[in-house]
Amino acid sequence: MPRQVDHEGRRHRIAEAVCLLADEHGLEGVTLRDVAARAQVSMGAVQRCFRNKEEMLVFALGHIGERITERVRARLLRSPAQSAGTNLGHAVTEIALLQEEHRAEARVWLAFVAQAAVSEPLADTLKTNYAALQETFAQLIREAGESAGSAAPPVDPQGEARTLLALADGLTTHVLIGHLTPQQAADVLHAQLATLWDRLSGPATAP
């Protein structure tokens, strides 16, 4: 009986190899031959999974995006009793990839962002990832606004979500190049969140 091949598992294994090579050499250093060697599969196996390098890179980018999104969701599920505001702070921090253990992932993510500027398929994948993250942020902002009560001033959840997402993404770059330390970047995020909570809560009511 022929051996069953886990094609989806192999595709994810190849995607992990792409990420490792991209971290070491950048995307320009990623070749099908090197990916096959790092994934410990044949060239033919890689070509059966992906028609060309661009298709392989698009899948690898989606793989990273799913990993980050799942980490955010897992963080929220672990703390269901926390406020929407606290959860949003955790989610934004995860997206910024400020922790040392996520530094390699941040380098790979930015390599894909740079390549997406000249690759429409990669750009489309990025836009899909960002849209999903923005909606997660917007939902948490809506929930935080509801918990603040009717006295809270109007806030555009989608607009605020866009701001937070762009800020988190930009801080990733500043930390990677050494312009900011992870703590300084975290302080910037927390300051932005504190301003948002003040707006959601509205002016303090005099006793």
N, C-alpha and C. Protein backbone atom coordinates (compact mmCIF):
# COMPACT_ATOMS: atom_id res chain seq x y z
N MET A 1 0.86 -1.19 0.00
CA MET A 1 0.00 0.00 0.00
C MET A 1 0.89 1.23 0.00
N PRO A 2 0.66 2.24 -0.90
CA PRO A 2 1.52 3.42 -0.95
C PRO A 2 1.45 4.22 0.34
N ARG A 3 2.59 4.79 0.70
CA ARG A 3 2.66 5.57 1.94
C ARG A 3 1.89 6.89 1.79
N GLN A 4 1.08 7.21 2.79
CA GLN A 4 0.33 8.46 2.77
C GLN A 4 1.26 9.64 3.08
N VAL A 5 1.10 10.71 2.33
CA VAL A 5 1.92 11.89 2.53
C VAL A 5 1.06 13.01 3.10
N ASP A 6 1.50 13.61 4.19
CA ASP A 6 0.79 14.73 4.80
C ASP A 6 1.22 16.00 4.05
N HIS A 7 0.50 16.32 2.98
CA HIS A 7 0.90 17.45 2.13
C HIS A 7 0.83 18.78 2.89
N GLU A 8 -0.23 18.96 3.69
CA GLU A 8 -0.35 20.23 4.42
C GLU A 8 0.76 20.36 5.45
N GLY A 9 1.05 19.24 6.14
CA GLY A 9 2.15 19.28 7.10
C GLY A 9 3.48 19.56 6.41
N ARG A 10 3.67 19.00 5.23
CA ARG A 10 4.92 19.25 4.49
C ARG A 10 5.01 20.71 4.06
N ARG A 11 3.88 21.29 3.65
CA ARG A 11 3.88 22.70 3.25
C ARG A 11 4.28 23.61 4.42
N HIS A 12 3.78 23.28 5.60
CA HIS A 12 4.14 24.08 6.78
C HIS A 12 5.61 23.85 7.16
N ARG A 13 6.09 22.65 6.98
CA ARG A 13 7.50 22.36 7.24
C ARG A 13 8.39 23.16 6.29
N ILE A 14 7.99 23.23 5.04
CA ILE A 14 8.74 24.02 4.07
C ILE A 14 8.67 25.51 4.42
N ALA A 15 7.49 25.96 4.87
CA ALA A 15 7.35 27.36 5.27
C ALA A 15 8.28 27.70 6.42
N GLU A 16 8.44 26.79 7.38
CA GLU A 16 9.36 27.02 8.49
C GLU A 16 10.80 27.12 7.97
N ALA A 17 11.13 26.30 6.98
CA ALA A 17 12.47 26.36 6.39
C ALA A 17 12.68 27.70 5.71
N VAL A 18 11.67 28.20 5.01
CA VAL A 18 11.75 29.51 4.36
C VAL A 18 12.04 30.58 5.41
N CYS A 19 11.34 30.52 6.54
CA CYS A 19 11.52 31.53 7.59
C CYS A 19 12.93 31.48 8.17
N LEU A 20 13.45 30.29 8.40
CA LEU A 20 14.80 30.16 8.93
C LEU A 20 15.83 30.75 7.97
N LEU A 21 15.68 30.45 6.69
CA LEU A 21 16.62 30.97 5.69
C LEU A 21 16.48 32.48 5.52
N ALA A 22 15.24 32.97 5.57
CA ALA A 22 15.02 34.41 5.44
C ALA A 22 15.64 35.16 6.61
N ASP A 23 15.60 34.58 7.80
CA ASP A 23 16.21 35.21 8.96
C ASP A 23 17.73 35.25 8.81
N GLU A 24 18.30 34.23 8.21
CA GLU A 24 19.76 34.15 8.07
C GLU A 24 20.29 34.97 6.90
N HIS A 25 19.56 34.98 5.77
CA HIS A 25 20.10 35.58 4.54
C HIS A 25 19.19 36.60 3.88
N GLY A 26 18.00 36.83 4.43
CA GLY A 26 17.04 37.67 3.73
C GLY A 26 16.32 36.87 2.66
N LEU A 27 15.24 37.42 2.14
CA LEU A 27 14.46 36.68 1.15
C LEU A 27 15.22 36.45 -0.15
N GLU A 28 16.15 37.36 -0.47
CA GLU A 28 16.92 37.18 -1.69
C GLU A 28 17.82 35.94 -1.62
N GLY A 29 18.08 35.49 -0.41
CA GLY A 29 18.92 34.31 -0.23
C GLY A 29 18.15 33.01 -0.14
N VAL A 30 16.83 33.08 -0.32
CA VAL A 30 15.99 31.90 -0.24
C VAL A 30 15.86 31.27 -1.63
N THR A 31 16.39 30.08 -1.80
CA THR A 31 16.25 29.35 -3.06
C THR A 31 15.50 28.05 -2.81
N LEU A 32 14.89 27.51 -3.85
CA LEU A 32 14.16 26.26 -3.70
C LEU A 32 15.09 25.14 -3.23
N ARG A 33 16.32 25.14 -3.75
CA ARG A 33 17.28 24.09 -3.38
C ARG A 33 17.63 24.18 -1.89
N ASP A 34 17.89 25.40 -1.41
CA ASP A 34 18.24 25.57 0.00
C ASP A 34 17.06 25.25 0.91
N VAL A 35 15.87 25.63 0.47
CA VAL A 35 14.67 25.33 1.25
C VAL A 35 14.49 23.82 1.37
N ALA A 36 14.68 23.11 0.27
CA ALA A 36 14.54 21.65 0.29
C ALA A 36 15.54 21.03 1.27
N ALA A 37 16.77 21.53 1.23
CA ALA A 37 17.80 20.99 2.13
C ALA A 37 17.46 21.28 3.58
N ARG A 38 17.00 22.50 3.87
CA ARG A 38 16.69 22.86 5.26
C ARG A 38 15.45 22.11 5.76
N ALA A 39 14.48 21.90 4.88
CA ALA A 39 13.27 21.18 5.27
C ALA A 39 13.47 19.66 5.25
N GLN A 40 14.63 19.23 4.75
CA GLN A 40 14.97 17.80 4.64
C GLN A 40 13.96 17.04 3.77
N VAL A 41 13.66 17.67 2.62
CA VAL A 41 12.82 17.03 1.62
C VAL A 41 13.52 17.19 0.27
N SER A 42 13.03 16.50 -0.73
CA SER A 42 13.63 16.60 -2.06
C SER A 42 13.15 17.86 -2.78
N MET A 43 13.91 18.27 -3.81
CA MET A 43 13.48 19.38 -4.64
C MET A 43 12.13 19.08 -5.26
N GLY A 44 11.94 17.84 -5.67
CA GLY A 44 10.67 17.45 -6.27
C GLY A 44 9.51 17.63 -5.31
N ALA A 45 9.75 17.36 -4.02
CA ALA A 45 8.70 17.52 -3.01
C ALA A 45 8.30 18.99 -2.88
N VAL A 46 9.31 19.87 -2.90
CA VAL A 46 9.03 21.30 -2.82
C VAL A 46 8.21 21.74 -4.04
N GLN A 47 8.61 21.27 -5.21
CA GLN A 47 7.93 21.66 -6.45
C GLN A 47 6.54 21.07 -6.56
N ARG A 48 6.30 19.96 -5.90
CA ARG A 48 4.94 19.41 -5.88
C ARG A 48 4.03 20.21 -4.95
N CYS A 49 4.62 20.82 -3.94
CA CYS A 49 3.84 21.63 -3.00
C CYS A 49 3.59 23.05 -3.53
N PHE A 50 4.56 23.59 -4.27
CA PHE A 50 4.48 24.97 -4.75
C PHE A 50 4.96 25.04 -6.19
N ARG A 51 4.21 25.77 -7.01
CA ARG A 51 4.55 25.85 -8.43
C ARG A 51 5.79 26.68 -8.69
N ASN A 52 6.05 27.66 -7.81
CA ASN A 52 7.21 28.53 -8.00
C ASN A 52 7.59 29.15 -6.67
N LYS A 53 8.67 29.94 -6.68
CA LYS A 53 9.16 30.54 -5.45
C LYS A 53 8.15 31.53 -4.87
N GLU A 54 7.50 32.31 -5.72
CA GLU A 54 6.56 33.31 -5.22
C GLU A 54 5.41 32.65 -4.48
N GLU A 55 4.88 31.57 -5.02
CA GLU A 55 3.79 30.86 -4.35
C GLU A 55 4.27 30.33 -3.00
N MET A 56 5.50 29.87 -2.94
CA MET A 56 6.06 29.37 -1.68
C MET A 56 6.19 30.51 -0.67
N LEU A 57 6.64 31.68 -1.12
CA LEU A 57 6.79 32.82 -0.22
C LEU A 57 5.44 33.31 0.29
N VAL A 58 4.44 33.33 -0.58
CA VAL A 58 3.10 33.74 -0.16
C VAL A 58 2.58 32.82 0.93
N PHE A 59 2.77 31.52 0.77
CA PHE A 59 2.32 30.57 1.78
C PHE A 59 3.09 30.78 3.09
N ALA A 60 4.41 31.00 2.98
CA ALA A 60 5.22 31.20 4.18
C ALA A 60 4.79 32.45 4.93
N LEU A 61 4.46 33.51 4.20
CA LEU A 61 4.00 34.74 4.85
C LEU A 61 2.67 34.49 5.57
N GLY A 62 1.76 33.79 4.91
CA GLY A 62 0.50 33.45 5.56
C GLY A 62 0.72 32.60 6.80
N HIS A 63 1.71 31.72 6.73
CA HIS A 63 2.06 30.86 7.86
C HIS A 63 2.50 31.70 9.06
N ILE A 64 3.33 32.71 8.82
CA ILE A 64 3.78 33.59 9.91
C ILE A 64 2.59 34.38 10.46
N GLY A 65 1.78 34.93 9.57
CA GLY A 65 0.63 35.71 10.01
C GLY A 65 -0.32 34.89 10.87
N GLU A 66 -0.56 33.65 10.47
CA GLU A 66 -1.43 32.77 11.26
C GLU A 66 -0.83 32.48 12.63
N ARG A 67 0.48 32.31 12.66
CA ARG A 67 1.15 32.02 13.93
C ARG A 67 1.01 33.19 14.90
N ILE A 68 1.19 34.40 14.39
CA ILE A 68 1.07 35.59 15.24
C ILE A 68 -0.37 35.76 15.70
N THR A 69 -1.32 35.62 14.77
CA THR A 69 -2.73 35.78 15.11
C THR A 69 -3.18 34.75 16.13
N GLU A 70 -2.74 33.51 15.97
CA GLU A 70 -3.10 32.46 16.92
C GLU A 70 -2.52 32.74 18.30
N ARG A 71 -1.32 33.33 18.32
CA ARG A 71 -0.70 33.66 19.61
C ARG A 71 -1.53 34.74 20.32
N VAL A 72 -2.02 35.72 19.55
CA VAL A 72 -2.86 36.75 20.13
C VAL A 72 -4.15 36.14 20.67
N ARG A 73 -4.78 35.27 19.87
CA ARG A 73 -6.03 34.64 20.32
C ARG A 73 -5.81 33.80 21.56
N ALA A 74 -4.70 33.07 21.59
CA ALA A 74 -4.41 32.23 22.76
C ALA A 74 -4.21 33.09 24.00
N ARG A 75 -3.56 34.24 23.83
CA ARG A 75 -3.35 35.15 24.95
C ARG A 75 -4.68 35.65 25.50
N LEU A 76 -5.63 35.94 24.60
CA LEU A 76 -6.93 36.43 25.03
C LEU A 76 -7.74 35.32 25.71
N LEU A 77 -7.62 34.10 25.19
CA LEU A 77 -8.38 32.98 25.76
C LEU A 77 -7.86 32.60 27.14
N ARG A 78 -6.55 32.84 27.38
CA ARG A 78 -5.98 32.48 28.69
C ARG A 78 -6.46 33.41 29.79
N SER A 79 -6.96 34.59 29.41
CA SER A 79 -7.34 35.57 30.44
C SER A 79 -8.74 36.12 30.17
N PRO A 80 -9.77 35.26 30.15
CA PRO A 80 -11.12 35.72 29.81
C PRO A 80 -11.70 36.70 30.83
N ALA A 81 -11.19 36.66 32.07
CA ALA A 81 -11.75 37.53 33.10
C ALA A 81 -11.18 38.94 33.06
N GLN A 82 -10.13 39.15 32.28
CA GLN A 82 -9.52 40.47 32.21
C GLN A 82 -10.39 41.41 31.39
N SER A 83 -10.19 42.72 31.61
CA SER A 83 -10.97 43.72 30.89
C SER A 83 -10.55 43.75 29.42
N ALA A 84 -11.42 44.31 28.57
CA ALA A 84 -11.09 44.46 27.15
C ALA A 84 -9.87 45.35 26.99
N GLY A 85 -9.74 46.34 27.86
CA GLY A 85 -8.58 47.23 27.78
C GLY A 85 -7.28 46.50 28.05
N THR A 86 -7.27 45.66 29.07
CA THR A 86 -6.07 44.87 29.37
C THR A 86 -5.75 43.91 28.24
N ASN A 87 -6.79 43.28 27.71
CA ASN A 87 -6.58 42.34 26.62
C ASN A 87 -6.03 43.05 25.38
N LEU A 88 -6.52 44.25 25.11
CA LEU A 88 -6.01 44.99 23.96
C LEU A 88 -4.53 45.31 24.14
N GLY A 89 -4.15 45.67 25.36
CA GLY A 89 -2.74 45.93 25.63
C GLY A 89 -1.88 44.71 25.37
N HIS A 90 -2.35 43.55 25.79
CA HIS A 90 -1.62 42.31 25.53
C HIS A 90 -1.53 42.03 24.03
N ALA A 91 -2.65 42.22 23.32
CA ALA A 91 -2.68 41.92 21.90
C ALA A 91 -1.74 42.84 21.12
N VAL A 92 -1.76 44.12 21.43
CA VAL A 92 -0.89 45.08 20.72
C VAL A 92 0.57 44.75 20.97
N THR A 93 0.89 44.39 22.20
CA THR A 93 2.27 44.04 22.52
C THR A 93 2.73 42.81 21.76
N GLU A 94 1.85 41.82 21.62
CA GLU A 94 2.18 40.62 20.85
C GLU A 94 2.47 40.98 19.39
N ILE A 95 1.65 41.85 18.82
CA ILE A 95 1.81 42.23 17.41
C ILE A 95 3.12 42.97 17.19
N ALA A 96 3.55 43.75 18.16
CA ALA A 96 4.78 44.52 18.01
C ALA A 96 6.03 43.65 18.04
N LEU A 97 5.91 42.39 18.48
CA LEU A 97 7.04 41.45 18.50
C LEU A 97 8.25 42.04 19.23
N LEU A 98 7.99 42.60 20.42
CA LEU A 98 9.05 43.27 21.16
C LEU A 98 9.89 42.32 22.02
N GLN A 99 9.34 41.14 22.33
CA GLN A 99 10.07 40.24 23.21
C GLN A 99 11.23 39.58 22.48
N GLU A 100 12.27 39.29 23.23
CA GLU A 100 13.49 38.72 22.64
C GLU A 100 13.21 37.43 21.89
N GLU A 101 12.32 36.60 22.42
CA GLU A 101 12.06 35.31 21.77
C GLU A 101 11.34 35.46 20.43
N HIS A 102 10.83 36.66 20.16
CA HIS A 102 10.15 36.90 18.88
C HIS A 102 11.00 37.74 17.92
N ARG A 103 12.26 37.98 18.27
CA ARG A 103 13.10 38.86 17.45
C ARG A 103 13.34 38.28 16.06
N ALA A 104 13.59 36.97 15.97
CA ALA A 104 13.80 36.36 14.65
C ALA A 104 12.54 36.46 13.81
N GLU A 105 11.40 36.23 14.43
CA GLU A 105 10.13 36.34 13.73
C GLU A 105 9.91 37.76 13.21
N ALA A 106 10.33 38.75 14.02
CA ALA A 106 10.20 40.15 13.59
C ALA A 106 11.08 40.44 12.37
N ARG A 107 12.29 39.91 12.37
CA ARG A 107 13.18 40.12 11.22
C ARG A 107 12.58 39.53 9.95
N VAL A 108 12.03 38.34 10.07
CA VAL A 108 11.44 37.67 8.91
C VAL A 108 10.20 38.43 8.44
N TRP A 109 9.37 38.86 9.37
CA TRP A 109 8.17 39.61 9.02
C TRP A 109 8.52 40.87 8.23
N LEU A 110 9.52 41.62 8.70
CA LEU A 110 9.90 42.85 8.01
C LEU A 110 10.53 42.56 6.65
N ALA A 111 11.22 41.43 6.52
CA ALA A 111 11.76 41.05 5.21
C ALA A 111 10.62 40.83 4.22
N PHE A 112 9.54 40.22 4.69
CA PHE A 112 8.38 40.01 3.82
C PHE A 112 7.68 41.33 3.51
N VAL A 113 7.60 42.22 4.49
CA VAL A 113 6.97 43.53 4.25
C VAL A 113 7.72 44.28 3.16
N ALA A 114 9.05 44.26 3.23
CA ALA A 114 9.85 44.95 2.22
C ALA A 114 9.62 44.34 0.84
N GLN A 115 9.58 43.01 0.77
CA GLN A 115 9.38 42.34 -0.52
C GLN A 115 7.97 42.59 -1.05
N ALA A 116 7.00 42.77 -0.15
CA ALA A 116 5.62 43.00 -0.57
C ALA A 116 5.45 44.30 -1.33
N ALA A 117 6.40 45.22 -1.15
CA ALA A 117 6.32 46.50 -1.87
C ALA A 117 6.45 46.29 -3.38
N VAL A 118 7.05 45.17 -3.79
CA VAL A 118 7.23 44.90 -5.23
C VAL A 118 6.58 43.58 -5.63
N SER A 119 5.74 43.02 -4.75
CA SER A 119 5.07 41.76 -5.05
C SER A 119 3.60 41.87 -4.67
N GLU A 120 2.73 41.93 -5.66
CA GLU A 120 1.31 42.08 -5.38
C GLU A 120 0.74 40.90 -4.60
N PRO A 121 1.11 39.64 -4.91
CA PRO A 121 0.58 38.53 -4.12
C PRO A 121 0.97 38.62 -2.64
N LEU A 122 2.21 39.01 -2.36
CA LEU A 122 2.62 39.17 -0.97
C LEU A 122 1.87 40.33 -0.32
N ALA A 123 1.69 41.42 -1.07
CA ALA A 123 0.96 42.57 -0.53
C ALA A 123 -0.48 42.19 -0.20
N ASP A 124 -1.10 41.40 -1.05
CA ASP A 124 -2.48 40.97 -0.79
C ASP A 124 -2.56 40.12 0.48
N THR A 125 -1.57 39.24 0.67
CA THR A 125 -1.55 38.42 1.88
C THR A 125 -1.38 39.27 3.12
N LEU A 126 -0.48 40.26 3.04
CA LEU A 126 -0.27 41.16 4.18
C LEU A 126 -1.54 41.93 4.51
N LYS A 127 -2.22 42.43 3.48
CA LYS A 127 -3.44 43.20 3.72
C LYS A 127 -4.50 42.34 4.41
N THR A 128 -4.58 41.08 4.03
CA THR A 128 -5.54 40.17 4.68
C THR A 128 -5.18 39.98 6.15
N ASN A 129 -3.89 39.79 6.43
CA ASN A 129 -3.44 39.62 7.82
C ASN A 129 -3.72 40.87 8.65
N TYR A 130 -3.39 42.03 8.08
CA TYR A 130 -3.59 43.28 8.81
C TYR A 130 -5.08 43.54 9.05
N ALA A 131 -5.92 43.21 8.08
CA ALA A 131 -7.36 43.43 8.24
C ALA A 131 -7.91 42.60 9.40
N ALA A 132 -7.45 41.36 9.52
CA ALA A 132 -7.92 40.50 10.60
C ALA A 132 -7.47 41.03 11.96
N LEU A 133 -6.22 41.48 12.03
CA LEU A 133 -5.71 42.03 13.29
C LEU A 133 -6.42 43.32 13.64
N GLN A 134 -6.66 44.17 12.64
CA GLN A 134 -7.36 45.43 12.90
C GLN A 134 -8.76 45.18 13.45
N GLU A 135 -9.45 44.19 12.91
CA GLU A 135 -10.79 43.89 13.39
C GLU A 135 -10.75 43.38 14.83
N THR A 136 -9.72 42.60 15.18
CA THR A 136 -9.57 42.15 16.57
C THR A 136 -9.39 43.34 17.50
N PHE A 137 -8.52 44.29 17.11
CA PHE A 137 -8.31 45.49 17.92
C PHE A 137 -9.60 46.29 18.04
N ALA A 138 -10.30 46.47 16.91
CA ALA A 138 -11.51 47.28 16.91
C ALA A 138 -12.58 46.68 17.83
N GLN A 139 -12.71 45.35 17.82
CA GLN A 139 -13.69 44.70 18.68
C GLN A 139 -13.36 44.92 20.15
N LEU A 140 -12.08 44.83 20.51
CA LEU A 140 -11.68 45.06 21.89
C LEU A 140 -11.91 46.52 22.30
N ILE A 141 -11.71 47.44 21.38
CA ILE A 141 -11.96 48.86 21.67
C ILE A 141 -13.45 49.10 21.87
N ARG A 142 -14.28 48.46 21.03
CA ARG A 142 -15.73 48.59 21.20
C ARG A 142 -16.16 48.06 22.57
N GLU A 143 -15.60 46.91 22.96
CA GLU A 143 -15.95 46.32 24.25
C GLU A 143 -15.49 47.21 25.41
N ALA A 144 -14.31 47.81 25.26
CA ALA A 144 -13.82 48.70 26.31
C ALA A 144 -14.70 49.94 26.41
N GLY A 145 -15.15 50.45 25.26
CA GLY A 145 -16.04 51.60 25.27
C GLY A 145 -17.37 51.29 25.93
N GLU A 146 -17.91 50.11 25.67
CA GLU A 146 -19.19 49.71 26.28
C GLU A 146 -19.06 49.58 27.81
N SER A 147 -17.92 49.06 28.24
CA SER A 147 -17.72 48.90 29.69
C SER A 147 -17.50 50.23 30.37
N ALA A 148 -17.11 51.27 29.60
CA ALA A 148 -16.88 52.59 30.19
C ALA A 148 -18.20 53.31 30.46
N GLY A 149 -19.30 52.88 29.86
CA GLY A 149 -20.59 53.49 30.12
C GLY A 149 -20.93 54.57 29.09
N SER A 150 -22.13 55.08 29.17
CA SER A 150 -22.65 56.03 28.18
C SER A 150 -21.97 57.39 28.25
N ALA A 151 -21.26 57.68 29.37
CA ALA A 151 -20.62 58.99 29.49
C ALA A 151 -19.37 59.10 28.63
N ALA A 152 -18.92 57.98 28.10
CA ALA A 152 -17.70 58.00 27.30
C ALA A 152 -17.92 58.77 26.01
N PRO A 153 -16.94 59.59 25.57
CA PRO A 153 -17.06 60.34 24.32
C PRO A 153 -17.00 59.38 23.13
N PRO A 154 -17.53 59.80 21.98
CA PRO A 154 -17.51 58.91 20.81
C PRO A 154 -16.07 58.64 20.35
N VAL A 155 -15.79 57.40 20.07
CA VAL A 155 -14.47 56.98 19.57
C VAL A 155 -14.71 56.08 18.37
N ASP A 156 -13.94 56.27 17.31
CA ASP A 156 -14.05 55.43 16.11
C ASP A 156 -13.19 54.19 16.32
N PRO A 157 -13.79 53.02 16.61
CA PRO A 157 -12.99 51.82 16.88
C PRO A 157 -12.06 51.44 15.74
N GLN A 158 -12.55 51.52 14.50
CA GLN A 158 -11.70 51.16 13.37
C GLN A 158 -10.54 52.14 13.21
N GLY A 159 -10.81 53.42 13.39
CA GLY A 159 -9.73 54.41 13.29
C GLY A 159 -8.67 54.22 14.36
N GLU A 160 -9.12 53.97 15.59
CA GLU A 160 -8.18 53.76 16.68
C GLU A 160 -7.41 52.45 16.48
N ALA A 161 -8.09 51.43 15.94
CA ALA A 161 -7.44 50.15 15.68
C ALA A 161 -6.35 50.32 14.62
N ARG A 162 -6.63 51.11 13.57
CA ARG A 162 -5.62 51.37 12.54
C ARG A 162 -4.40 52.05 13.14
N THR A 163 -4.66 53.02 14.02
CA THR A 163 -3.55 53.74 14.66
C THR A 163 -2.67 52.80 15.47
N LEU A 164 -3.30 51.97 16.29
CA LEU A 164 -2.55 51.03 17.13
C LEU A 164 -1.77 50.02 16.29
N LEU A 165 -2.39 49.53 15.22
CA LEU A 165 -1.73 48.54 14.38
C LEU A 165 -0.51 49.16 13.68
N ALA A 166 -0.69 50.36 13.16
CA ALA A 166 0.43 51.04 12.49
C ALA A 166 1.55 51.35 13.48
N LEU A 167 1.17 51.76 14.70
CA LEU A 167 2.17 52.07 15.72
C LEU A 167 2.95 50.82 16.11
N ALA A 168 2.24 49.74 16.36
CA ALA A 168 2.91 48.49 16.76
C ALA A 168 3.85 48.02 15.66
N ASP A 169 3.40 48.08 14.41
CA ASP A 169 4.22 47.64 13.29
C ASP A 169 5.47 48.51 13.15
N GLY A 170 5.30 49.82 13.30
CA GLY A 170 6.44 50.72 13.18
C GLY A 170 7.44 50.53 14.30
N LEU A 171 6.96 50.28 15.51
CA LEU A 171 7.87 50.09 16.64
C LEU A 171 8.73 48.85 16.46
N THR A 172 8.20 47.85 15.76
CA THR A 172 8.99 46.65 15.48
C THR A 172 10.28 47.03 14.75
N THR A 173 10.15 47.88 13.74
CA THR A 173 11.32 48.33 12.98
C THR A 173 12.29 49.09 13.87
N HIS A 174 11.78 50.01 14.67
CA HIS A 174 12.65 50.84 15.52
C HIS A 174 13.44 50.01 16.52
N VAL A 175 12.82 48.94 17.02
CA VAL A 175 13.53 48.08 17.95
C VAL A 175 14.59 47.25 17.22
N LEU A 176 14.23 46.73 16.05
CA LEU A 176 15.17 45.88 15.31
C LEU A 176 16.44 46.61 14.91
N ILE A 177 16.31 47.88 14.54
CA ILE A 177 17.51 48.63 14.11
C ILE A 177 18.22 49.28 15.28
N GLY A 178 17.67 49.15 16.49
CA GLY A 178 18.34 49.67 17.67
C GLY A 178 18.04 51.12 17.99
N HIS A 179 17.07 51.73 17.28
CA HIS A 179 16.72 53.11 17.60
C HIS A 179 16.00 53.21 18.94
N LEU A 180 15.21 52.19 19.26
CA LEU A 180 14.53 52.13 20.54
C LEU A 180 14.83 50.79 21.21
N THR A 181 14.87 50.79 22.53
CA THR A 181 14.95 49.53 23.26
C THR A 181 13.54 48.94 23.34
N PRO A 182 13.44 47.64 23.59
CA PRO A 182 12.09 47.06 23.76
C PRO A 182 11.28 47.78 24.84
N GLN A 183 11.92 48.20 25.92
CA GLN A 183 11.20 48.89 26.98
C GLN A 183 10.70 50.25 26.52
N GLN A 184 11.55 50.98 25.77
CA GLN A 184 11.11 52.28 25.26
C GLN A 184 9.92 52.12 24.31
N ALA A 185 9.98 51.09 23.47
CA ALA A 185 8.87 50.84 22.56
C ALA A 185 7.60 50.49 23.33
N ALA A 186 7.75 49.68 24.37
CA ALA A 186 6.60 49.32 25.20
C ALA A 186 6.02 50.56 25.87
N ASP A 187 6.88 51.48 26.29
CA ASP A 187 6.41 52.71 26.92
C ASP A 187 5.58 53.55 25.93
N VAL A 188 6.01 53.58 24.66
CA VAL A 188 5.26 54.32 23.64
C VAL A 188 3.87 53.70 23.46
N LEU A 189 3.83 52.37 23.39
CA LEU A 189 2.54 51.69 23.24
C LEU A 189 1.62 51.97 24.43
N HIS A 190 2.18 51.88 25.63
CA HIS A 190 1.37 52.09 26.83
C HIS A 190 0.86 53.52 26.91
N ALA A 191 1.66 54.48 26.46
CA ALA A 191 1.22 55.87 26.47
C ALA A 191 0.05 56.07 25.51
N GLN A 192 0.13 55.45 24.34
CA GLN A 192 -0.96 55.54 23.38
C GLN A 192 -2.23 54.89 23.93
N LEU A 193 -2.07 53.74 24.57
CA LEU A 193 -3.22 53.06 25.16
C LEU A 193 -3.83 53.89 26.29
N ALA A 194 -2.99 54.51 27.11
CA ALA A 194 -3.50 55.33 28.21
C ALA A 194 -4.32 56.50 27.68
N THR A 195 -3.85 57.11 26.59
CA THR A 195 -4.60 58.20 25.97
C THR A 195 -5.95 57.71 25.46
N LEU A 196 -5.96 56.53 24.86
CA LEU A 196 -7.21 55.96 24.36
C LEU A 196 -8.18 55.69 25.50
N TRP A 197 -7.67 55.13 26.62
CA TRP A 197 -8.57 54.83 27.76
C TRP A 197 -9.14 56.12 28.34
N ASP A 198 -8.33 57.19 28.37
CA ASP A 198 -8.84 58.47 28.88
C ASP A 198 -10.00 58.97 28.01
N ARG A 199 -9.87 58.80 26.71
CA ARG A 199 -10.92 59.23 25.80
C ARG A 199 -12.17 58.37 25.95
N LEU A 200 -11.96 57.07 26.15
CA LEU A 200 -13.10 56.17 26.34
C LEU A 200 -13.84 56.45 27.64
N SER A 201 -13.09 56.80 28.68
CA SER A 201 -13.68 57.00 30.00
C SER A 201 -14.38 58.35 30.12
N GLY A 202 -13.93 59.33 29.32
CA GLY A 202 -14.53 60.65 29.38
C GLY A 202 -14.02 61.42 30.59
N PRO A 203 -14.43 62.66 30.74
CA PRO A 203 -13.98 63.49 31.86
C PRO A 203 -14.47 62.94 33.19
N ALA A 204 -13.60 63.03 34.18
CA ALA A 204 -13.98 62.56 35.52
C ALA A 204 -15.15 63.35 36.05
N THR A 205 -16.05 62.68 36.73
CA THR A 205 -17.22 63.35 37.30
C THR A 205 -16.90 63.84 38.71
N ALA A 206 -17.18 65.11 38.95
CA ALA A 206 -16.89 65.69 40.27
C ALA A 206 -17.80 65.07 41.31
N PRO A 207 -17.27 64.80 42.51
CA PRO A 207 -18.11 64.21 43.57
C PRO A 207 -19.16 65.18 44.05
